[in-house]
Amino acid sequence: MKPNRSGGLVYSTEHGRMCPACRQPVALCRCRDATALPKTDGVVRIRLETKGRKGKGVTVVAGIPLAEAELQELGKQLKQRCGSGGTVKDGTIEIQGDHRTLVLEALKARGWTVKLAGG
């Protein structure tokens, strides 16, 4: 019989859910804070996507070298500036509508190298 390598304490009646990586309570988890920045080439790319969205345009911002929490905050600021809804998922920011020029100006003001991608 093989030993259980992925095992460990998942739930404790005293602390609740436990992190499987650091084996601490989820509220005190240290491994979430130690997440590395995503690897990028240093260029933030902005593109307009309509595929899979019934013809509606979505501005997609990819390649931002920020951690997840900072990316969420930047997404919130960009959505407020554009006056539109959107989401942050898989390391990209999606903003409903064609707001490429507004997003381009906002990101250049932060000092990043920004390019419009796509046609």
N, C-alpha and C. Protein backbone atom coordinates (compact mmCIF):
# COMPACT_ATOMS: atom_id res chain seq x y z
N MET A 1 0.83 -1.17 0.00
CA MET A 1 0.00 0.00 0.00
C MET A 1 0.88 1.25 0.00
N LYS A 2 0.57 2.21 -0.88
CA LYS A 2 1.34 3.44 -0.98
C LYS A 2 0.91 4.42 0.11
N PRO A 3 1.87 5.17 0.64
CA PRO A 3 1.49 6.20 1.61
C PRO A 3 0.78 7.36 0.91
N ASN A 4 -0.10 8.02 1.62
CA ASN A 4 -0.86 9.15 1.08
C ASN A 4 0.01 10.40 1.12
N ARG A 5 0.53 10.81 -0.04
CA ARG A 5 1.43 11.97 -0.12
C ARG A 5 0.68 13.29 -0.19
N SER A 6 -0.52 13.27 -0.70
CA SER A 6 -1.27 14.52 -0.81
C SER A 6 -2.13 14.76 0.42
N GLY A 7 -2.05 13.88 1.38
CA GLY A 7 -2.90 13.98 2.55
C GLY A 7 -2.49 15.09 3.48
N GLY A 8 -3.10 15.11 4.58
CA GLY A 8 -2.86 16.14 5.57
C GLY A 8 -4.19 16.60 6.13
N LEU A 9 -4.12 17.40 7.13
CA LEU A 9 -5.31 17.90 7.78
C LEU A 9 -6.01 18.90 6.88
N VAL A 10 -7.28 18.68 6.59
CA VAL A 10 -8.05 19.55 5.73
C VAL A 10 -9.00 20.42 6.55
N TYR A 11 -9.53 19.85 7.63
CA TYR A 11 -10.48 20.58 8.44
C TYR A 11 -10.22 20.25 9.91
N SER A 12 -10.30 21.24 10.74
CA SER A 12 -10.13 21.06 12.17
C SER A 12 -11.34 21.65 12.87
N THR A 13 -11.89 20.93 13.83
CA THR A 13 -13.05 21.47 14.55
C THR A 13 -12.66 22.68 15.38
N GLU A 14 -11.40 22.81 15.70
CA GLU A 14 -10.94 23.95 16.49
C GLU A 14 -10.72 25.20 15.64
N HIS A 15 -10.11 25.02 14.42
CA HIS A 15 -9.73 26.16 13.59
C HIS A 15 -10.54 26.27 12.30
N GLY A 16 -11.27 25.27 11.90
CA GLY A 16 -12.00 25.30 10.64
C GLY A 16 -11.14 24.78 9.50
N ARG A 17 -11.29 25.37 8.31
CA ARG A 17 -10.53 24.91 7.13
C ARG A 17 -9.05 25.16 7.31
N MET A 18 -8.25 24.21 6.85
CA MET A 18 -6.80 24.29 6.97
C MET A 18 -6.19 24.36 5.57
N CYS A 19 -5.12 25.10 5.42
CA CYS A 19 -4.40 25.19 4.15
C CYS A 19 -3.59 23.91 3.96
N PRO A 20 -3.72 23.22 2.83
CA PRO A 20 -2.98 21.98 2.64
C PRO A 20 -1.48 22.20 2.43
N ALA A 21 -1.08 23.39 2.00
CA ALA A 21 0.34 23.64 1.73
C ALA A 21 1.12 23.94 3.01
N CYS A 22 0.66 24.92 3.79
CA CYS A 22 1.41 25.32 4.98
C CYS A 22 0.82 24.71 6.26
N ARG A 23 -0.32 24.04 6.15
CA ARG A 23 -0.98 23.36 7.27
C ARG A 23 -1.33 24.29 8.42
N GLN A 24 -1.67 25.51 8.07
CA GLN A 24 -2.13 26.51 9.03
C GLN A 24 -3.62 26.75 8.76
N PRO A 25 -4.35 27.33 9.72
CA PRO A 25 -5.73 27.72 9.42
C PRO A 25 -5.75 28.69 8.24
N VAL A 26 -6.79 28.64 7.43
CA VAL A 26 -6.87 29.46 6.22
C VAL A 26 -6.74 30.95 6.56
N ALA A 27 -7.26 31.37 7.70
CA ALA A 27 -7.16 32.77 8.09
C ALA A 27 -5.71 33.18 8.36
N LEU A 28 -4.86 32.24 8.75
CA LEU A 28 -3.46 32.54 9.06
C LEU A 28 -2.50 32.00 8.01
N CYS A 29 -3.02 31.62 6.86
CA CYS A 29 -2.21 31.00 5.80
C CYS A 29 -1.11 31.95 5.33
N ARG A 30 0.13 31.43 5.26
CA ARG A 30 1.27 32.23 4.84
C ARG A 30 1.59 32.03 3.37
N CYS A 31 1.15 30.96 2.79
CA CYS A 31 1.54 30.67 1.40
C CYS A 31 0.78 31.53 0.39
N ARG A 32 -0.37 32.08 0.74
CA ARG A 32 -1.08 32.98 -0.18
C ARG A 32 -0.33 34.28 -0.37
N ASP A 33 0.28 34.77 0.71
CA ASP A 33 1.00 36.03 0.64
C ASP A 33 2.32 35.90 -0.13
N ALA A 34 2.84 34.69 -0.22
CA ALA A 34 4.13 34.47 -0.85
C ALA A 34 4.01 34.12 -2.33
N THR A 35 2.89 34.43 -2.95
CA THR A 35 2.73 34.11 -4.36
C THR A 35 3.65 34.98 -5.20
N ALA A 36 4.27 34.38 -6.18
CA ALA A 36 5.21 35.09 -7.04
C ALA A 36 4.46 35.88 -8.10
N LEU A 37 5.09 36.91 -8.60
CA LEU A 37 4.51 37.69 -9.67
C LEU A 37 4.51 36.86 -10.95
N PRO A 38 3.51 37.03 -11.79
CA PRO A 38 3.49 36.28 -13.04
C PRO A 38 4.64 36.73 -13.95
N LYS A 39 5.18 35.79 -14.72
CA LYS A 39 6.27 36.11 -15.64
C LYS A 39 5.71 36.76 -16.90
N THR A 40 6.22 37.92 -17.22
CA THR A 40 5.79 38.64 -18.42
C THR A 40 7.03 39.14 -19.15
N ASP A 41 6.82 39.64 -20.36
CA ASP A 41 7.94 40.19 -21.13
C ASP A 41 8.09 41.69 -20.90
N GLY A 42 7.31 42.25 -19.97
CA GLY A 42 7.43 43.66 -19.64
C GLY A 42 6.53 44.57 -20.45
N VAL A 43 5.72 44.00 -21.33
CA VAL A 43 4.83 44.79 -22.15
C VAL A 43 3.39 44.43 -21.79
N VAL A 44 2.59 45.45 -21.48
CA VAL A 44 1.18 45.26 -21.21
C VAL A 44 0.44 45.38 -22.53
N ARG A 45 -0.37 44.38 -22.85
CA ARG A 45 -1.08 44.37 -24.13
C ARG A 45 -2.58 44.57 -23.91
N ILE A 46 -3.16 45.44 -24.73
CA ILE A 46 -4.59 45.73 -24.67
C ILE A 46 -5.20 45.30 -26.00
N ARG A 47 -6.26 44.51 -25.93
CA ARG A 47 -6.90 44.07 -27.16
C ARG A 47 -8.42 44.07 -26.98
N LEU A 48 -9.14 44.08 -28.09
CA LEU A 48 -10.59 44.02 -28.09
C LEU A 48 -11.00 42.63 -28.54
N GLU A 49 -11.79 41.94 -27.74
CA GLU A 49 -12.27 40.61 -28.09
C GLU A 49 -13.78 40.63 -28.25
N THR A 50 -14.26 39.92 -29.27
CA THR A 50 -15.70 39.75 -29.45
C THR A 50 -16.06 38.27 -29.56
N LYS A 51 -15.07 37.44 -29.73
CA LYS A 51 -15.31 36.01 -29.93
C LYS A 51 -15.93 35.37 -28.69
N GLY A 52 -17.02 34.64 -28.87
CA GLY A 52 -17.66 33.96 -27.78
C GLY A 52 -18.51 34.85 -26.90
N ARG A 53 -18.75 36.08 -27.35
CA ARG A 53 -19.52 37.03 -26.54
C ARG A 53 -20.71 37.60 -27.32
N LYS A 54 -21.17 36.86 -28.30
CA LYS A 54 -22.32 37.24 -29.12
C LYS A 54 -22.16 38.62 -29.76
N GLY A 55 -20.93 38.93 -30.21
CA GLY A 55 -20.65 40.16 -30.91
C GLY A 55 -20.37 41.36 -30.04
N LYS A 56 -20.50 41.21 -28.75
CA LYS A 56 -20.25 42.33 -27.85
C LYS A 56 -18.75 42.43 -27.58
N GLY A 57 -18.23 43.64 -27.62
CA GLY A 57 -16.80 43.86 -27.44
C GLY A 57 -16.40 43.92 -25.98
N VAL A 58 -15.24 43.36 -25.68
CA VAL A 58 -14.66 43.38 -24.34
C VAL A 58 -13.20 43.78 -24.47
N THR A 59 -12.78 44.78 -23.70
CA THR A 59 -11.38 45.20 -23.68
C THR A 59 -10.64 44.29 -22.72
N VAL A 60 -9.59 43.62 -23.21
CA VAL A 60 -8.82 42.68 -22.41
C VAL A 60 -7.42 43.24 -22.22
N VAL A 61 -6.98 43.33 -20.96
CA VAL A 61 -5.66 43.83 -20.61
C VAL A 61 -4.86 42.66 -20.06
N ALA A 62 -3.75 42.32 -20.72
CA ALA A 62 -2.95 41.17 -20.30
C ALA A 62 -1.49 41.59 -20.15
N GLY A 63 -0.76 40.84 -19.31
CA GLY A 63 0.66 41.07 -19.14
C GLY A 63 1.02 42.05 -18.06
N ILE A 64 0.11 42.32 -17.14
CA ILE A 64 0.39 43.26 -16.06
C ILE A 64 1.16 42.53 -14.96
N PRO A 65 2.34 43.03 -14.61
CA PRO A 65 3.18 42.33 -13.61
C PRO A 65 2.78 42.68 -12.18
N LEU A 66 1.59 42.24 -11.76
CA LEU A 66 1.10 42.50 -10.42
C LEU A 66 0.60 41.20 -9.79
N ALA A 67 0.63 41.15 -8.47
CA ALA A 67 0.05 40.02 -7.75
C ALA A 67 -1.47 40.09 -7.85
N GLU A 68 -2.14 39.02 -7.47
CA GLU A 68 -3.59 38.92 -7.65
C GLU A 68 -4.36 40.03 -6.94
N ALA A 69 -4.01 40.34 -5.71
CA ALA A 69 -4.74 41.37 -4.96
C ALA A 69 -4.55 42.75 -5.61
N GLU A 70 -3.33 43.05 -6.05
CA GLU A 70 -3.07 44.33 -6.70
C GLU A 70 -3.76 44.40 -8.06
N LEU A 71 -3.84 43.26 -8.74
CA LEU A 71 -4.51 43.21 -10.03
C LEU A 71 -6.01 43.46 -9.85
N GLN A 72 -6.59 42.93 -8.79
CA GLN A 72 -8.00 43.18 -8.49
C GLN A 72 -8.24 44.68 -8.27
N GLU A 73 -7.36 45.31 -7.52
CA GLU A 73 -7.51 46.74 -7.23
C GLU A 73 -7.35 47.58 -8.51
N LEU A 74 -6.38 47.23 -9.36
CA LEU A 74 -6.20 47.95 -10.62
C LEU A 74 -7.42 47.76 -11.52
N GLY A 75 -7.96 46.55 -11.54
CA GLY A 75 -9.16 46.28 -12.33
C GLY A 75 -10.33 47.14 -11.88
N LYS A 76 -10.47 47.29 -10.59
CA LYS A 76 -11.54 48.12 -10.02
C LYS A 76 -11.36 49.57 -10.45
N GLN A 77 -10.13 50.07 -10.40
CA GLN A 77 -9.87 51.46 -10.78
C GLN A 77 -10.13 51.68 -12.28
N LEU A 78 -9.71 50.73 -13.10
CA LEU A 78 -9.93 50.87 -14.55
C LEU A 78 -11.41 50.83 -14.89
N LYS A 79 -12.16 49.96 -14.24
CA LYS A 79 -13.60 49.88 -14.48
C LYS A 79 -14.28 51.18 -14.08
N GLN A 80 -13.86 51.78 -12.97
CA GLN A 80 -14.44 53.06 -12.54
C GLN A 80 -14.10 54.17 -13.53
N ARG A 81 -12.88 54.15 -14.02
CA ARG A 81 -12.46 55.19 -14.98
C ARG A 81 -13.25 55.08 -16.29
N CYS A 82 -13.52 53.84 -16.72
CA CYS A 82 -14.25 53.62 -17.96
C CYS A 82 -15.76 53.73 -17.76
N GLY A 83 -16.22 53.67 -16.51
CA GLY A 83 -17.65 53.72 -16.25
C GLY A 83 -18.36 52.48 -16.76
N SER A 84 -17.71 51.34 -16.58
CA SER A 84 -18.23 50.10 -17.14
C SER A 84 -17.96 48.95 -16.19
N GLY A 85 -18.60 47.83 -16.45
CA GLY A 85 -18.39 46.63 -15.64
C GLY A 85 -17.24 45.82 -16.20
N GLY A 86 -16.94 44.74 -15.52
CA GLY A 86 -15.87 43.87 -15.98
C GLY A 86 -15.47 42.89 -14.91
N THR A 87 -14.34 42.21 -15.13
CA THR A 87 -13.87 41.20 -14.20
C THR A 87 -12.36 41.05 -14.31
N VAL A 88 -11.80 40.39 -13.31
CA VAL A 88 -10.38 40.03 -13.34
C VAL A 88 -10.32 38.52 -13.21
N LYS A 89 -9.75 37.85 -14.21
CA LYS A 89 -9.61 36.40 -14.13
C LYS A 89 -8.43 35.94 -14.95
N ASP A 90 -7.80 34.90 -14.47
CA ASP A 90 -6.64 34.28 -15.13
C ASP A 90 -5.52 35.29 -15.43
N GLY A 91 -5.32 36.25 -14.55
CA GLY A 91 -4.24 37.21 -14.73
C GLY A 91 -4.51 38.29 -15.74
N THR A 92 -5.76 38.40 -16.21
CA THR A 92 -6.12 39.44 -17.16
C THR A 92 -7.29 40.25 -16.59
N ILE A 93 -7.41 41.47 -17.09
CA ILE A 93 -8.53 42.34 -16.72
C ILE A 93 -9.42 42.45 -17.94
N GLU A 94 -10.72 42.19 -17.75
CA GLU A 94 -11.69 42.31 -18.83
C GLU A 94 -12.66 43.43 -18.47
N ILE A 95 -12.81 44.38 -19.40
CA ILE A 95 -13.71 45.52 -19.19
C ILE A 95 -14.73 45.51 -20.32
N GLN A 96 -15.99 45.59 -19.97
CA GLN A 96 -17.05 45.53 -20.97
C GLN A 96 -17.03 46.77 -21.85
N GLY A 97 -17.03 46.56 -23.16
CA GLY A 97 -17.03 47.67 -24.11
C GLY A 97 -15.64 47.93 -24.68
N ASP A 98 -15.60 48.84 -25.65
CA ASP A 98 -14.34 49.20 -26.30
C ASP A 98 -13.77 50.44 -25.60
N HIS A 99 -12.87 50.22 -24.65
CA HIS A 99 -12.26 51.30 -23.88
C HIS A 99 -10.74 51.27 -24.01
N ARG A 100 -10.24 50.88 -25.18
CA ARG A 100 -8.80 50.71 -25.35
C ARG A 100 -8.03 52.00 -25.14
N THR A 101 -8.54 53.12 -25.63
CA THR A 101 -7.79 54.37 -25.51
C THR A 101 -7.74 54.87 -24.06
N LEU A 102 -8.86 54.76 -23.34
CA LEU A 102 -8.87 55.16 -21.93
C LEU A 102 -7.91 54.31 -21.10
N VAL A 103 -7.94 52.99 -21.33
CA VAL A 103 -7.08 52.08 -20.58
C VAL A 103 -5.62 52.32 -20.94
N LEU A 104 -5.35 52.57 -22.22
CA LEU A 104 -3.99 52.84 -22.67
C LEU A 104 -3.41 54.06 -21.96
N GLU A 105 -4.19 55.15 -21.88
CA GLU A 105 -3.73 56.36 -21.21
C GLU A 105 -3.51 56.13 -19.72
N ALA A 106 -4.42 55.39 -19.09
CA ALA A 106 -4.31 55.14 -17.65
C ALA A 106 -3.08 54.31 -17.31
N LEU A 107 -2.78 53.31 -18.13
CA LEU A 107 -1.63 52.45 -17.85
C LEU A 107 -0.31 53.13 -18.20
N LYS A 108 -0.30 53.97 -19.24
CA LYS A 108 0.91 54.72 -19.56
C LYS A 108 1.23 55.72 -18.45
N ALA A 109 0.19 56.27 -17.83
CA ALA A 109 0.40 57.21 -16.73
C ALA A 109 1.04 56.52 -15.53
N ARG A 110 0.84 55.22 -15.41
CA ARG A 110 1.47 54.45 -14.32
C ARG A 110 2.91 54.07 -14.65
N GLY A 111 3.35 54.32 -15.88
CA GLY A 111 4.74 54.09 -16.24
C GLY A 111 5.03 52.75 -16.90
N TRP A 112 4.00 52.03 -17.33
CA TRP A 112 4.22 50.74 -18.00
C TRP A 112 4.34 50.93 -19.50
N THR A 113 5.04 50.00 -20.14
CA THR A 113 5.09 49.95 -21.59
C THR A 113 3.82 49.26 -22.06
N VAL A 114 3.01 49.97 -22.86
CA VAL A 114 1.69 49.48 -23.24
C VAL A 114 1.60 49.45 -24.76
N LYS A 115 1.00 48.37 -25.28
CA LYS A 115 0.79 48.25 -26.72
C LYS A 115 -0.65 47.83 -26.98
N LEU A 116 -1.21 48.35 -28.07
CA LEU A 116 -2.50 47.87 -28.55
C LEU A 116 -2.25 46.63 -29.39
N ALA A 117 -2.88 45.54 -29.05
CA ALA A 117 -2.69 44.28 -29.77
C ALA A 117 -3.94 43.98 -30.61
N GLY A 118 -3.77 43.17 -31.60
CA GLY A 118 -4.90 42.78 -32.43
C GLY A 118 -5.11 43.74 -33.57
N GLY A 119 -6.22 43.55 -34.28
CA GLY A 119 -6.49 44.33 -35.48
C GLY A 119 -7.35 45.44 -35.27
